[in-house]
Amino acid sequence: MTTLDQQVRLPDGRLLGYDEYGVPGGSPLLYLHGTPGARREWRLFGGEQAARSLDLRIIAVDRPGMGLSDFQPGRRVTDWPGDVLALADRLRIGAFAVLGCSGGGPYAAACGALLKDRVTAVGMVAGLAPFEDGILAGEVGGRARRFLQLARDRPAVCRALLRLMGVVASRYPRMLTRRTRAAPDRVLMADPEVQQAFLAEVREALRTGARGAQHDAALLARPWGFRLEDIRAPVYIWHGEQDRNVPPQTSRRLAAAIPSSRTRFYPDEAHLSLMRHHAGEILAQLISGPPS
């Protein structure tokens, strides 16, 4: 079952966009995209086959101002769990796992910290650690660090660059796909199917403009408003050792801040290739829990 381009109306009147994959009665998992990103990112990494093979019901959600979700002025990272809770209630989902990739990692962590009675497991793939000191900022890959800081400090410039990114994705796609730096990601991006999924994801993220993506990124470069150690559900962290967007040191910091977390590093994977090549085992771990 693939159901695309769905929307629910939230209690404050905003629309929230999402796609569904897999088995209607399967184990529910909410997928949280990167930054900039949108719900279609799941098709780049897993799609219908990955969901059905593990009897999962995967709901991939657009954060405010991206894809089909309305912009939310003044939003904070800690506002996101409320949207997730409203969506789960509308879909009649009780307990669920959350999985966030890259810039979606902090939002998955927020759900774990603030929705303790509903979240069964938290997964972060190449996720960001809190961006609250200069040392950590320096550990984030140069291009990603500049983007986050620009989104926070010079929002108008960041929005202009994001709009340009959308134009390039539509008119000069090879310019965008050639910018991948890590070798495993370059190999992955040579696949025409992956290229098309990646470009479609970029265009969807910016479908209503750049304001949502810029605001989403700016929040990650500020204090998040919750404590990682408040997460009570099992936490799983995965990272590619060759990641040059979000280097693995960020996941080591996450693991140190969450003593009960389980972390795995992949020597031969990078930022995009990790989830593409290992989605099955990542999903299985989230649903099955820690080994006995």
Protein backbone atom coordinates (compact mmCIF):
# COMPACT_ATOMS: atom_id res chain seq x y z
CA MET A 1 0.00 0.00 0.00
CA THR A 2 1.48 3.30 -1.10
CA THR A 3 -0.70 6.32 -0.43
CA LEU A 4 0.88 9.59 -1.51
CA ASP A 5 0.18 13.29 -1.04
CA GLN A 6 -2.07 13.04 2.02
CA GLN A 7 -2.85 15.90 4.39
CA VAL A 8 -4.43 16.26 7.82
CA ARG A 9 -5.65 19.46 9.44
CA LEU A 10 -4.02 20.13 12.78
CA PRO A 11 -5.80 21.63 15.81
CA ASP A 12 -4.44 25.11 14.98
CA GLY A 13 -5.77 24.90 11.41
CA ARG A 14 -2.49 24.16 9.62
CA LEU A 15 -2.23 21.33 7.09
CA LEU A 16 0.37 18.61 7.60
CA GLY A 17 1.49 16.54 4.59
CA TYR A 18 2.48 12.88 4.63
CA ASP A 19 2.87 9.71 2.55
CA GLU A 20 2.18 6.15 3.69
CA TYR A 21 3.94 2.94 2.73
CA GLY A 22 3.68 -0.70 3.65
CA VAL A 23 1.05 -2.68 5.54
CA PRO A 24 -1.98 -0.87 7.04
CA GLY A 25 -1.94 -3.07 10.12
CA GLY A 26 1.85 -3.26 10.38
CA SER A 27 4.12 -1.85 13.07
CA PRO A 28 3.93 1.96 12.77
CA LEU A 29 7.05 4.02 12.17
CA LEU A 30 7.21 7.75 11.44
CA TYR A 31 10.01 8.79 9.10
CA LEU A 32 11.45 12.30 9.53
CA HIS A 33 13.34 13.72 6.56
CA GLY A 34 16.58 15.69 6.46
CA THR A 35 17.15 19.43 5.92
CA PRO A 36 16.22 20.63 3.37
CA GLY A 37 13.88 17.75 2.68
CA ALA A 38 10.35 16.43 2.49
CA ARG A 39 8.34 13.24 2.84
CA ARG A 40 9.44 11.90 -0.56
CA GLU A 41 12.90 11.28 0.88
CA TRP A 42 11.66 7.87 1.99
CA ARG A 43 11.47 6.77 -1.65
CA LEU A 44 15.17 7.49 -1.99
CA PHE A 45 16.01 5.16 0.89
CA GLY A 46 13.40 2.44 1.15
CA GLY A 47 10.02 2.94 -0.45
CA GLU A 48 7.24 0.39 -0.48
CA GLN A 49 9.38 -2.73 -0.70
CA ALA A 50 11.34 -2.01 2.48
CA ALA A 51 8.15 -1.34 4.40
CA ARG A 52 6.30 -4.45 3.25
CA SER A 53 9.25 -6.80 3.72
CA LEU A 54 9.22 -6.06 7.46
CA ASP A 55 5.44 -5.73 7.91
CA LEU A 56 5.71 -2.01 8.64
CA ARG A 57 3.37 0.91 8.28
CA ILE A 58 5.67 3.80 7.45
CA ILE A 59 4.38 7.36 7.56
CA ALA A 60 6.80 9.89 6.04
CA VAL A 61 5.91 13.41 7.21
CA ASP A 62 6.64 16.91 5.89
CA ARG A 63 7.76 19.39 8.53
CA PRO A 64 6.16 22.86 8.44
CA GLY A 65 6.83 24.92 5.33
CA MET A 66 8.11 21.99 3.25
CA GLY A 67 6.27 19.73 0.85
CA LEU A 68 2.55 19.75 1.63
CA SER A 69 2.83 21.12 5.17
CA ASP A 70 1.88 24.71 5.95
CA PHE A 71 4.49 27.06 7.36
CA GLN A 72 4.38 27.64 11.13
CA PRO A 73 5.65 31.08 12.20
CA GLY A 74 7.78 31.07 15.32
CA ARG A 75 8.14 27.29 15.35
CA ARG A 76 10.67 25.62 17.67
CA VAL A 77 12.10 22.11 17.61
CA THR A 78 9.96 21.31 20.65
CA ASP A 79 6.76 22.20 18.74
CA TRP A 80 7.26 19.30 16.31
CA PRO A 81 6.23 16.47 18.69
CA GLY A 82 2.81 18.10 18.99
CA ASP A 83 2.32 17.82 15.23
CA VAL A 84 3.46 14.20 15.31
CA LEU A 85 1.05 13.41 18.14
CA ALA A 86 -1.87 15.02 16.30
CA LEU A 87 -1.06 13.03 13.15
CA ALA A 88 -0.78 9.76 15.08
CA ASP A 89 -4.10 10.38 16.79
CA ARG A 90 -5.80 11.20 13.48
CA LEU A 91 -4.43 7.97 11.98
CA ARG A 92 -5.47 6.00 15.09
CA ILE A 93 -1.93 5.01 15.89
CA GLY A 94 -1.11 4.38 19.53
CA ALA A 95 2.57 3.67 20.11
CA PHE A 96 5.08 4.15 17.29
CA ALA A 97 8.79 4.32 16.48
CA VAL A 98 10.46 7.39 14.97
CA LEU A 99 13.39 7.46 12.54
CA GLY A 100 15.16 10.69 11.59
CA CYS A 101 17.92 11.07 9.00
CA SER A 102 20.49 13.88 9.11
CA GLY A 103 18.56 17.04 10.00
CA GLY A 104 15.59 14.86 10.94
CA GLY A 105 17.59 13.30 13.78
CA PRO A 106 17.04 16.15 16.27
CA TYR A 107 13.31 16.06 15.56
CA ALA A 108 13.23 12.31 16.21
CA ALA A 109 15.08 12.91 19.48
CA ALA A 110 12.54 15.59 20.44
CA CYS A 111 9.72 13.09 19.93
CA GLY A 112 11.53 10.60 22.14
CA ALA A 113 12.07 13.16 24.89
CA LEU A 114 8.61 14.75 24.84
CA LEU A 115 6.30 11.89 23.81
CA LYS A 116 7.52 9.34 26.31
CA ASP A 117 4.24 7.39 26.51
CA ARG A 118 3.90 6.98 22.74
CA VAL A 119 7.39 6.51 21.28
CA THR A 120 8.68 2.92 21.38
CA ALA A 121 12.10 3.56 19.81
CA VAL A 122 14.15 6.44 18.42
CA GLY A 123 16.46 6.02 15.45
CA MET A 124 18.95 8.57 14.10
CA VAL A 125 20.91 8.01 10.88
CA ALA A 126 23.80 10.48 10.37
CA GLY A 127 22.03 12.74 12.82
CA LEU A 128 23.16 16.11 14.10
CA ALA A 129 24.20 16.62 17.71
CA PRO A 130 23.26 19.82 19.58
CA PHE A 131 24.85 22.84 17.88
CA GLU A 132 25.50 24.76 21.07
CA ASP A 133 29.26 25.27 21.12
CA GLY A 134 31.95 26.29 18.68
CA ILE A 135 33.78 22.98 18.90
CA LEU A 136 30.77 21.00 17.78
CA ALA A 137 30.00 23.51 15.04
CA GLY A 138 33.50 22.92 13.71
CA GLU A 139 32.92 19.17 13.60
CA VAL A 140 29.99 19.42 11.21
CA GLY A 141 31.08 19.21 7.57
CA GLY A 142 32.08 22.58 6.18
CA ARG A 143 29.28 22.89 3.63
CA ALA A 144 26.61 21.72 6.09
CA ARG A 145 27.99 23.95 8.86
CA ARG A 146 27.92 27.02 6.64
CA PHE A 147 24.36 26.23 5.57
CA LEU A 148 23.09 25.90 9.15
CA GLN A 149 24.87 29.04 10.32
CA LEU A 150 23.66 30.99 7.30
CA ALA A 151 20.08 29.85 7.96
CA ARG A 152 20.38 31.11 11.53
CA ASP A 153 22.34 34.33 11.02
CA ARG A 154 21.43 35.52 7.53
CA PRO A 155 18.00 34.06 6.73
CA ALA A 156 17.34 36.18 3.62
CA VAL A 157 20.62 35.07 2.03
CA CYS A 158 19.92 31.46 2.93
CA ARG A 159 16.47 31.61 1.35
CA ALA A 160 17.96 33.07 -1.84
CA LEU A 161 20.45 30.21 -2.03
CA LEU A 162 17.71 27.64 -1.44
CA ARG A 163 15.62 29.16 -4.23
CA LEU A 164 18.67 28.90 -6.49
CA MET A 165 19.05 25.27 -5.45
CA GLY A 166 15.47 24.63 -6.56
CA VAL A 167 16.13 26.23 -9.95
CA VAL A 168 19.26 24.13 -10.42
CA ALA A 169 17.38 20.95 -9.46
CA SER A 170 14.78 21.69 -12.13
CA ARG A 171 16.90 23.13 -14.97
CA TYR A 172 20.49 21.97 -14.42
CA PRO A 173 20.17 18.77 -12.40
CA ARG A 174 23.66 17.43 -13.13
CA MET A 175 25.19 20.47 -11.44
CA LEU A 176 23.49 19.41 -8.21
CA THR A 177 24.12 15.67 -8.35
CA ARG A 178 27.83 16.23 -9.09
CA ARG A 179 28.34 18.14 -5.83
CA THR A 180 28.47 14.93 -3.77
CA ARG A 181 31.92 14.64 -2.20
CA ALA A 182 32.26 11.29 -0.37
CA ALA A 183 33.12 8.37 -2.65
CA PRO A 184 30.26 6.05 -1.55
CA ASP A 185 27.75 8.83 -2.20
CA ARG A 186 29.27 9.64 -5.60
CA VAL A 187 28.89 5.99 -6.63
CA LEU A 188 25.30 6.00 -5.39
CA MET A 189 24.46 9.22 -7.21
CA ALA A 190 25.66 7.73 -10.50
CA ASP A 191 22.54 5.53 -10.47
CA PRO A 192 19.89 7.30 -12.63
CA GLU A 193 17.08 6.06 -10.37
CA VAL A 194 18.77 7.53 -7.30
CA GLN A 195 19.44 10.79 -9.14
CA GLN A 196 15.78 11.17 -10.05
CA ALA A 197 14.61 10.39 -6.52
CA PHE A 198 17.10 12.87 -5.06
CA LEU A 199 16.12 15.67 -7.44
CA ALA A 200 12.41 15.03 -6.87
CA GLU A 201 13.04 15.28 -3.13
CA VAL A 202 14.79 18.64 -3.49
CA ARG A 203 12.01 20.03 -5.64
CA GLU A 204 9.36 18.81 -3.20
CA ALA A 205 11.17 20.34 -0.23
CA LEU A 206 10.99 23.74 -1.96
CA ARG A 207 7.59 23.36 -3.59
CA THR A 208 6.11 26.36 -1.73
CA GLY A 209 9.31 28.37 -1.45
CA ALA A 210 12.41 28.48 0.69
CA ARG A 211 11.07 29.90 3.96
CA GLY A 212 10.23 26.54 5.53
CA ALA A 213 13.57 24.91 4.76
CA GLN A 214 15.52 27.94 5.98
CA HIS A 215 13.60 28.12 9.25
CA ASP A 216 13.94 24.36 9.76
CA ALA A 217 17.73 24.56 9.39
CA ALA A 218 18.05 27.64 11.59
CA LEU A 219 16.40 25.81 14.48
CA LEU A 220 19.07 23.11 14.36
CA ALA A 221 21.81 25.71 14.88
CA ARG A 222 20.17 26.96 18.07
CA PRO A 223 19.48 25.25 21.43
CA TRP A 224 16.85 22.58 20.83
CA GLY A 225 14.90 23.11 24.04
CA PHE A 226 15.01 19.60 25.51
CA ARG A 227 17.57 17.25 27.06
CA LEU A 228 18.76 14.18 25.19
CA GLU A 229 19.07 12.30 28.47
CA ASP A 230 15.30 12.65 28.96
CA ILE A 231 14.65 10.10 26.19
CA ARG A 232 13.39 6.90 27.82
CA ALA A 233 12.74 4.76 24.75
CA PRO A 234 15.59 2.72 23.23
CA VAL A 235 17.81 4.92 21.05
CA TYR A 236 19.69 3.60 18.01
CA ILE A 237 22.33 5.62 16.20
CA TRP A 238 23.88 4.74 12.83
CA HIS A 239 26.61 6.64 10.98
CA GLY A 240 28.89 6.14 8.00
CA GLU A 241 32.58 6.70 8.74
CA GLN A 242 33.04 8.34 5.33
CA ASP A 243 30.26 10.89 5.85
CA ARG A 244 31.58 14.35 4.95
CA ASN A 245 28.27 16.19 5.45
CA VAL A 246 27.74 15.20 9.07
CA PRO A 247 30.98 13.57 10.24
CA PRO A 248 30.74 10.57 12.59
CA GLN A 249 32.02 12.55 15.57
CA THR A 250 28.52 14.03 15.90
CA SER A 251 27.06 10.58 16.53
CA ARG A 252 29.78 9.87 19.07
CA ARG A 253 28.65 12.98 20.92
CA LEU A 254 25.03 11.85 20.72
CA ALA A 255 25.98 8.45 22.11
CA ALA A 256 27.87 10.07 24.99
CA ALA A 257 24.83 12.22 25.84
CA ILE A 258 22.43 9.23 25.75
CA PRO A 259 24.10 6.53 27.87
CA SER A 260 21.57 3.82 26.97
CA SER A 261 21.92 4.34 23.20
CA ARG A 262 23.25 1.71 20.83
CA THR A 263 25.55 2.98 18.11
CA ARG A 264 26.91 1.38 14.96
CA PHE A 265 29.43 2.88 12.56
CA TYR A 266 29.89 1.66 8.98
CA PRO A 267 33.45 2.00 7.61
CA ASP A 268 32.44 1.97 3.93
CA GLU A 269 29.34 4.20 3.98
CA ALA A 270 28.74 7.95 3.74
CA HIS A 271 25.82 10.35 4.18
CA LEU A 272 23.35 9.01 1.61
CA SER A 273 24.72 5.54 0.98
CA LEU A 274 24.23 4.31 4.55
CA MET A 275 20.44 4.43 4.56
CA ARG A 276 20.20 3.33 0.94
CA HIS A 277 22.29 0.21 1.54
CA HIS A 278 21.20 -0.70 5.07
CA ALA A 279 17.56 0.37 5.38
CA GLY A 280 16.40 -3.19 6.03
CA GLU A 281 18.62 -3.84 9.03
CA ILE A 282 18.02 -0.33 10.42
CA LEU A 283 14.26 -0.76 10.27
CA ALA A 284 14.43 -4.27 11.70
CA GLN A 285 16.44 -3.06 14.68
CA LEU A 286 14.01 -0.23 15.40
CA ILE A 287 11.03 -2.55 15.39
CA SER A 288 12.51 -5.62 17.06
CA GLY A 289 14.40 -3.83 19.82
CA PRO A 290 17.72 -4.72 21.45
CA PRO A 291 18.99 -8.29 21.30
CA SER A 292 18.21 -10.35 24.40
